[in-house]
Every structure is written in C-alpha cells, then in structure tokens.
Amino acid sequence: MFFLWLGFVLPMVIMKDCYIEYAALRGISADYISSIVTMMNSPVALAGLIGFVVGAHIGSILGKRLLKNILKKQLI
C-alpha cells in the first residue's frame, strides 16, 4: 500500500510543474491544484508518512500475535 500512496504523491513532490500542467489540462481548477500541491509540500505529507509507518508496524504486531494464538490452538 505504501508504494500505491507513493505513486500518487511522488509526482506532486518531484515533478510539481509537470503535475500542475497535467492537472490543468484535465480541467481541474487552479485553486484546487495549488491547495493540493501546497499540502503535499508541507509537514502534512510527512505526518501522513509517519502515520503510515506507525500504523503498519502496529498492524504487523497485532497480526503476529493473532496468528501465534491461532496456531497454538490448532497445535493443541
């Protein structure tokens, strides 16, 4: 999932001018484009990345514990 999210965000960060031009050609309003690009180049994007990593780590811990409990019950 991380790479899917990265695929949407990366062009906005790395190729900002091309993304703005592409979005304008698709008929998206200039105000909306500028607000999205501003948000992606701010601490909001960093917070989203940190939240994603923390959430993935918590999910892996919970999944590991759940799987361990299920396997213990099946082996008994």
Protein backbone atom coordinates (compact mmCIF):
# COMPACT_ATOMS: atom_id res chain seq x y z
CA MET A 1 0.00 0.00 0.00
CA PHE A 2 2.87 2.34 0.68
CA PHE A 3 4.01 2.25 -2.93
CA LEU A 4 0.46 2.89 -4.12
CA TRP A 5 0.29 6.01 -1.95
CA LEU A 6 3.78 6.99 -3.04
CA GLY A 7 2.75 6.67 -6.67
CA PHE A 8 0.10 9.34 -6.22
CA VAL A 9 2.19 11.69 -4.10
CA LEU A 10 5.60 11.42 -5.70
CA PRO A 11 4.74 13.29 -8.93
CA MET A 12 3.33 16.16 -6.88
CA VAL A 13 6.56 16.48 -4.92
CA ILE A 14 9.23 15.76 -7.52
CA MET A 15 7.62 17.00 -10.75
CA LYS A 16 5.46 19.80 -9.38
CA ASP A 17 5.38 21.91 -12.55
CA CYS A 18 4.50 18.96 -14.79
CA TYR A 19 1.81 17.82 -12.37
CA ILE A 20 0.24 21.28 -12.28
CA GLU A 21 0.25 21.46 -16.08
CA TYR A 22 -1.24 17.96 -16.39
CA ALA A 23 -3.97 18.68 -13.84
CA ALA A 24 -4.83 21.97 -15.56
CA LEU A 25 -5.16 20.17 -18.90
CA ARG A 26 -7.60 17.74 -17.30
CA GLY A 27 -9.84 20.65 -16.28
CA ILE A 28 -9.07 20.82 -12.56
CA SER A 29 -9.37 24.32 -11.11
CA ALA A 30 -6.19 26.23 -10.31
CA ASP A 31 -7.27 26.84 -6.70
CA TYR A 32 -7.70 23.13 -6.07
CA ILE A 33 -4.37 22.27 -7.70
CA SER A 34 -2.49 24.86 -5.66
CA SER A 35 -4.09 23.70 -2.40
CA ILE A 36 -3.19 20.06 -3.09
CA VAL A 37 0.40 20.88 -4.09
CA THR A 38 0.81 23.11 -1.02
CA MET A 39 -0.48 20.36 1.24
CA MET A 40 1.86 17.76 -0.26
CA ASN A 41 4.89 20.03 0.21
CA SER A 42 4.15 20.73 3.84
CA PRO A 43 4.52 18.84 7.12
CA VAL A 44 1.14 17.22 6.40
CA ALA A 45 2.79 14.86 3.93
CA LEU A 46 5.49 13.99 6.45
CA ALA A 47 2.86 13.37 9.12
CA GLY A 48 1.00 11.10 6.70
CA LEU A 49 4.14 9.11 6.01
CA ILE A 50 4.95 8.77 9.72
CA GLY A 51 1.35 7.75 10.45
CA PHE A 52 1.51 5.15 7.71
CA VAL A 53 4.72 3.62 9.05
CA VAL A 54 3.48 3.57 12.66
CA GLY A 55 0.13 2.09 11.61
CA ALA A 56 1.81 -0.61 9.54
CA HIS A 57 4.08 -1.52 12.43
CA ILE A 58 1.18 -1.76 14.89
CA GLY A 59 -0.78 -3.85 12.39
CA SER A 60 2.11 -6.24 11.93
CA ILE A 61 2.48 -6.69 15.69
CA LEU A 62 -1.25 -7.36 16.13
CA GLY A 63 -1.30 -9.77 13.18
CA LYS A 64 1.70 -11.65 14.52
CA ARG A 65 0.07 -12.05 17.96
CA LEU A 66 -3.22 -13.16 16.43
CA LEU A 67 -1.53 -15.67 14.17
CA LYS A 68 0.51 -17.02 17.07
CA ASN A 69 -2.65 -17.58 19.14
CA ILE A 70 -4.45 -19.31 16.28
CA LEU A 71 -1.53 -21.63 15.59
CA LYS A 72 -1.20 -22.51 19.30
CA LYS A 73 -4.86 -23.54 19.43
CA GLN A 74 -4.53 -25.69 16.32
CA LEU A 75 -1.44 -27.49 17.57
CA ILE A 76 -3.00 -28.41 20.93
